[in-house]
């Protein structure tokens, strides 16, 4: 007589799958427990939506090591700071995949490195979708990535006193930079990026410095490589012309 078979329903309670640099895999019941120094080099993939405990003001804190967090279509939410990247050894977090991180400051990098390749980041009143400050390094390369704010009086991205910031893609519900940086300073100059609104480079909208501060940009705006659509140009006195981008911010990077 053949053995009887029946389907068994399996419930996954782990919040994250951890793929270690040595090829091994394990699961973690609670996401904040994953980012220990001994797990450095791991890719952490969400397995379900995660709500940060109300009393955990710093949410998921990464103080050492290098990690990739794959949102994997899931969400992380907090009533304060959802993810904080900060430590004397300058931890590095890369966030990829689709999904949402939300909080007063959804992601804050204070003394570390943050690379955004994907995801939607939503800040609340008195906070920002992403906040980078105090000698941190921010690189934003996610074409489908969005940084938002639920408050009409605030901005999606705040840059304050960072060592470097490089924006080359993504959509922003406004950007605010510290007085030590200008909005043009934040753009990836290696690939020649520009801010776009309604499909047009901002320098082509006829806006001037009298109508917009060098450090504050209202959204929504998109960052992408400038193709010089309709951009002004100057003669090089040799029969050629050079497009002028970022005239709005007082200089050209091309």
Protein backbone atom coordinates (compact mmCIF):
# COMPACT_ATOMS: atom_id res chain seq x y z
CA UNK A 1 0.00 0.00 0.00
CA UNK A 2 1.42 3.41 -0.99
CA UNK A 3 2.09 5.94 1.74
CA UNK A 4 -0.63 8.59 1.98
CA UNK A 5 0.41 12.10 1.05
CA UNK A 6 -1.19 15.33 2.06
CA UNK A 7 -0.35 18.98 1.65
CA UNK A 8 1.03 20.66 4.75
CA UNK A 9 0.63 24.40 5.20
CA UNK A 10 3.87 26.04 6.31
CA UNK A 11 3.88 29.46 7.98
CA UNK A 12 7.10 31.47 7.81
CA UNK A 13 7.58 33.52 10.95
CA UNK A 14 11.07 34.81 10.19
CA UNK A 15 11.30 38.47 9.27
CA UNK A 16 14.50 38.10 7.24
CA UNK A 17 16.57 35.65 5.24
CA UNK A 18 20.31 36.10 5.68
CA UNK A 19 22.62 35.07 2.85
CA UNK A 20 26.14 35.10 4.26
CA UNK A 21 29.29 35.87 2.30
CA UNK A 22 30.44 32.26 2.76
CA UNK A 23 27.39 30.96 0.89
CA UNK A 24 25.45 29.79 3.95
CA UNK A 25 21.85 30.84 4.60
CA UNK A 26 19.83 31.24 7.74
CA UNK A 27 16.70 33.02 8.94
CA UNK A 28 16.16 35.65 11.63
CA UNK A 29 13.02 36.04 13.70
CA UNK A 30 13.55 39.77 14.25
CA UNK A 31 15.07 42.10 11.67
CA UNK A 32 16.90 44.42 14.13
CA UNK A 33 18.91 41.42 15.39
CA UNK A 34 20.43 40.73 11.96
CA UNK A 35 22.84 43.64 11.65
CA UNK A 36 25.55 42.45 14.04
CA UNK A 37 29.21 42.80 13.14
CA UNK A 38 29.64 39.03 12.75
CA UNK A 39 27.13 39.10 9.89
CA UNK A 40 29.04 41.72 7.93
CA UNK A 41 28.98 41.09 4.19
CA UNK A 42 25.51 39.50 4.28
CA UNK A 43 22.54 40.19 2.04
CA UNK A 44 19.42 40.49 4.18
CA UNK A 45 16.14 39.82 2.36
CA UNK A 46 12.83 40.71 3.96
CA UNK A 47 10.34 37.84 4.22
CA UNK A 48 7.40 39.87 5.53
CA UNK A 49 6.37 43.40 6.49
CA UNK A 50 8.14 44.63 9.62
CA UNK A 51 6.77 47.09 12.16
CA UNK A 52 9.37 48.57 14.51
CA UNK A 53 8.41 48.46 18.19
CA UNK A 54 7.05 51.86 19.31
CA UNK A 55 9.66 52.21 22.07
CA UNK A 56 12.60 51.59 19.70
CA UNK A 57 13.37 55.20 18.71
CA UNK A 58 16.38 54.28 16.58
CA UNK A 59 14.65 51.34 14.94
CA UNK A 60 17.16 49.16 13.12
CA UNK A 61 20.60 50.48 14.07
CA UNK A 62 23.64 49.51 12.02
CA UNK A 63 26.88 50.39 13.81
CA UNK A 64 29.45 48.10 12.15
CA UNK A 65 30.00 46.15 8.98
CA UNK A 66 28.70 46.15 5.42
CA UNK A 67 25.20 44.96 4.55
CA UNK A 68 22.73 44.84 1.68
CA UNK A 69 19.06 45.05 2.62
CA UNK A 70 16.73 43.72 -0.09
CA UNK A 71 13.21 44.97 0.64
CA UNK A 72 11.84 42.14 -1.53
CA UNK A 73 8.43 43.80 -2.01
CA UNK A 74 7.87 44.29 1.73
CA UNK A 75 7.62 47.30 4.05
CA UNK A 76 9.38 48.54 7.18
CA UNK A 77 7.46 51.06 9.31
CA UNK A 78 8.22 53.00 12.49
CA UNK A 79 6.68 55.85 14.46
CA UNK A 80 10.18 57.34 14.85
CA UNK A 81 13.38 56.44 12.95
CA UNK A 82 13.11 53.20 11.02
CA UNK A 83 16.79 52.69 10.08
CA UNK A 84 19.86 54.43 11.49
CA UNK A 85 23.33 53.94 10.00
CA UNK A 86 25.97 55.30 12.38
CA UNK A 87 29.20 54.10 13.94
CA UNK A 88 32.86 54.98 14.46
CA UNK A 89 33.83 52.30 11.93
CA UNK A 90 31.58 53.87 9.27
CA UNK A 91 29.13 51.05 8.53
CA UNK A 92 27.86 50.71 4.96
CA UNK A 93 24.25 49.87 4.10
CA UNK A 94 22.94 49.31 0.58
CA UNK A 95 19.16 49.18 0.16
CA UNK A 96 17.75 47.48 -2.93
CA UNK A 97 14.53 45.99 -4.26
CA UNK A 98 10.97 47.27 -4.21
CA UNK A 99 9.22 48.07 -0.96
CA UNK A 100 8.70 50.95 1.47
CA UNK A 101 10.53 52.26 4.53
CA UNK A 102 8.53 54.81 6.53
CA UNK A 103 9.04 56.79 9.73
CA UNK A 104 9.56 60.33 10.95
CA UNK A 105 13.01 59.89 9.42
CA UNK A 106 12.69 56.65 7.49
CA UNK A 107 16.46 56.28 6.98
CA UNK A 108 19.08 58.39 8.76
CA UNK A 109 22.81 58.10 8.11
CA UNK A 110 24.88 60.04 10.64
CA UNK A 111 28.39 58.62 10.45
CA UNK A 112 28.38 55.95 7.77
CA UNK A 113 27.73 55.15 4.12
CA UNK A 114 24.31 54.74 2.54
CA UNK A 115 23.72 53.51 -1.02
CA UNK A 116 20.17 53.58 -2.38
CA UNK A 117 19.48 51.30 -5.34
CA UNK A 118 15.73 50.84 -4.87
CA UNK A 119 12.78 51.33 -2.56
CA UNK A 120 10.41 54.09 -1.51
CA UNK A 121 11.34 56.13 1.58
CA UNK A 122 8.63 58.15 3.31
CA UNK A 123 9.28 60.68 6.07
CA UNK A 124 6.77 62.40 8.34
CA UNK A 125 6.25 65.78 9.96
CA UNK A 126 9.49 67.26 11.38
CA UNK A 127 11.45 64.58 9.55
CA UNK A 128 12.60 63.44 6.12
CA UNK A 129 12.38 60.41 3.89
CA UNK A 130 16.18 60.20 3.96
CA UNK A 131 18.43 62.29 6.20
CA UNK A 132 22.21 62.30 5.68
CA UNK A 133 24.52 64.32 7.93
CA UNK A 134 27.68 64.54 10.02
CA UNK A 135 30.40 63.29 7.64
CA UNK A 136 28.23 60.61 6.08
CA UNK A 137 28.38 59.45 2.46
CA UNK A 138 25.23 59.11 0.34
CA UNK A 139 24.98 57.58 -3.12
CA UNK A 140 21.58 57.41 -4.82
CA UNK A 141 21.53 55.33 -8.00
CA UNK A 142 18.03 53.82 -8.02
CA UNK A 143 16.14 54.84 -11.15
CA UNK A 144 12.81 53.67 -9.71
CA UNK A 145 13.59 54.87 -6.21
CA UNK A 146 11.45 57.56 -4.55
CA UNK A 147 12.09 59.72 -1.47
CA UNK A 148 8.90 61.29 -0.13
CA UNK A 149 7.42 63.19 2.78
CA UNK A 150 3.85 63.12 4.04
CA UNK A 151 4.06 66.71 5.31
CA UNK A 152 3.51 69.63 2.94
CA UNK A 153 5.94 71.70 5.00
CA UNK A 154 8.98 69.43 4.69
CA UNK A 155 11.18 67.71 2.14
CA UNK A 156 11.94 64.18 1.04
CA UNK A 157 15.73 64.44 1.27
CA UNK A 158 17.87 66.39 3.73
CA UNK A 159 21.64 66.73 3.26
CA UNK A 160 23.48 68.31 6.17
CA UNK A 161 27.25 68.35 6.63
CA UNK A 162 27.90 65.17 4.66
CA UNK A 163 31.36 64.22 3.49
CA UNK A 164 29.90 63.57 0.04
CA UNK A 165 26.58 63.06 -1.71
CA UNK A 166 26.03 61.85 -5.24
CA UNK A 167 22.55 61.87 -6.76
CA UNK A 168 22.25 60.21 -10.15
CA UNK A 169 18.66 58.90 -10.24
CA UNK A 170 15.32 58.79 -8.46
CA UNK A 171 12.37 61.03 -7.62
CA UNK A 172 12.25 63.43 -4.67
CA UNK A 173 9.49 65.24 -2.79
CA UNK A 174 11.83 68.20 -2.48
CA UNK A 175 15.45 68.48 -1.37
CA UNK A 176 17.00 70.59 1.38
CA UNK A 177 20.77 71.00 1.63
CA UNK A 178 22.82 72.53 4.43
CA UNK A 179 24.28 75.97 3.77
CA UNK A 180 27.70 74.39 3.12
CA UNK A 181 26.35 72.68 -0.04
CA UNK A 182 24.34 73.81 -3.04
CA UNK A 183 21.82 71.72 -4.90
CA UNK A 184 24.22 71.49 -7.83
CA UNK A 185 26.90 70.08 -5.50
CA UNK A 186 24.69 67.05 -4.85
CA UNK A 187 24.42 65.94 -8.48
CA UNK A 188 26.60 63.20 -9.95
CA UNK A 189 29.02 65.19 -12.08
CA UNK A 190 30.72 62.08 -13.51
CA UNK A 191 27.63 61.20 -15.54
CA UNK A 192 26.33 64.75 -15.97
CA UNK A 193 22.98 64.66 -14.18
CA UNK A 194 20.34 67.35 -13.85
CA UNK A 195 17.14 67.98 -11.93
CA UNK A 196 13.99 67.52 -14.00
CA UNK A 197 10.44 68.68 -13.43
CA UNK A 198 7.62 67.73 -15.80
CA UNK A 199 10.14 66.19 -18.16
CA UNK A 200 12.26 69.34 -18.53
CA UNK A 201 15.67 70.20 -17.02
CA UNK A 202 15.10 72.88 -14.41
CA UNK A 203 17.65 75.14 -16.06
CA UNK A 204 15.29 75.31 -19.05
CA UNK A 205 12.28 76.45 -17.05
CA UNK A 206 13.35 80.06 -16.84
CA UNK A 207 13.63 79.98 -13.06
CA UNK A 208 16.24 82.20 -11.47
CA UNK A 209 18.05 82.39 -8.18
CA UNK A 210 15.61 85.07 -7.03
CA UNK A 211 12.78 82.51 -7.13
CA UNK A 212 14.65 79.53 -5.71
CA UNK A 213 17.34 79.20 -3.07
CA UNK A 214 20.57 77.40 -3.92
CA UNK A 215 19.89 75.02 -1.04
CA UNK A 216 16.15 74.32 -1.22
CA UNK A 217 14.30 72.65 -4.08
CA UNK A 218 10.57 71.99 -3.91
CA UNK A 219 9.32 68.76 -5.40
CA UNK A 220 8.50 66.59 -7.01
CA UNK A 221 11.69 66.50 -9.07
CA UNK A 222 13.56 63.70 -10.79
CA UNK A 223 17.31 63.30 -11.16
CA UNK A 224 18.67 61.71 -14.32
CA UNK A 225 21.39 62.13 -16.90
CA UNK A 226 20.93 65.41 -18.75
CA UNK A 227 20.35 64.94 -22.48
CA UNK A 228 20.29 68.72 -23.02
CA UNK A 229 16.71 68.69 -24.28
CA UNK A 230 16.09 72.35 -25.07
CA UNK A 231 19.10 73.38 -23.00
CA UNK A 232 20.73 76.70 -23.75
CA UNK A 233 24.13 76.61 -25.43
CA UNK A 234 27.07 78.93 -25.89
CA UNK A 235 29.34 79.30 -28.88
CA UNK A 236 32.90 78.06 -28.49
CA UNK A 237 34.05 80.37 -31.31
CA UNK A 238 35.16 77.35 -33.28
CA UNK A 239 31.91 76.38 -34.96
CA UNK A 240 30.74 74.18 -32.06
CA UNK A 241 28.39 74.79 -29.16
CA UNK A 242 28.44 73.54 -25.57
CA UNK A 243 25.14 72.98 -23.69
CA UNK A 244 24.81 74.87 -20.42
CA UNK A 245 23.16 72.92 -17.62
CA UNK A 246 22.47 74.02 -14.05
CA UNK A 247 22.43 77.70 -15.00
CA UNK A 248 19.80 77.95 -12.29
CA UNK A 249 22.42 77.15 -9.69
CA UNK A 250 25.04 79.55 -10.98
CA UNK A 251 27.42 77.38 -12.99
CA UNK A 252 27.72 74.65 -15.56
CA UNK A 253 29.26 71.25 -14.86
CA UNK A 254 29.65 70.41 -18.53
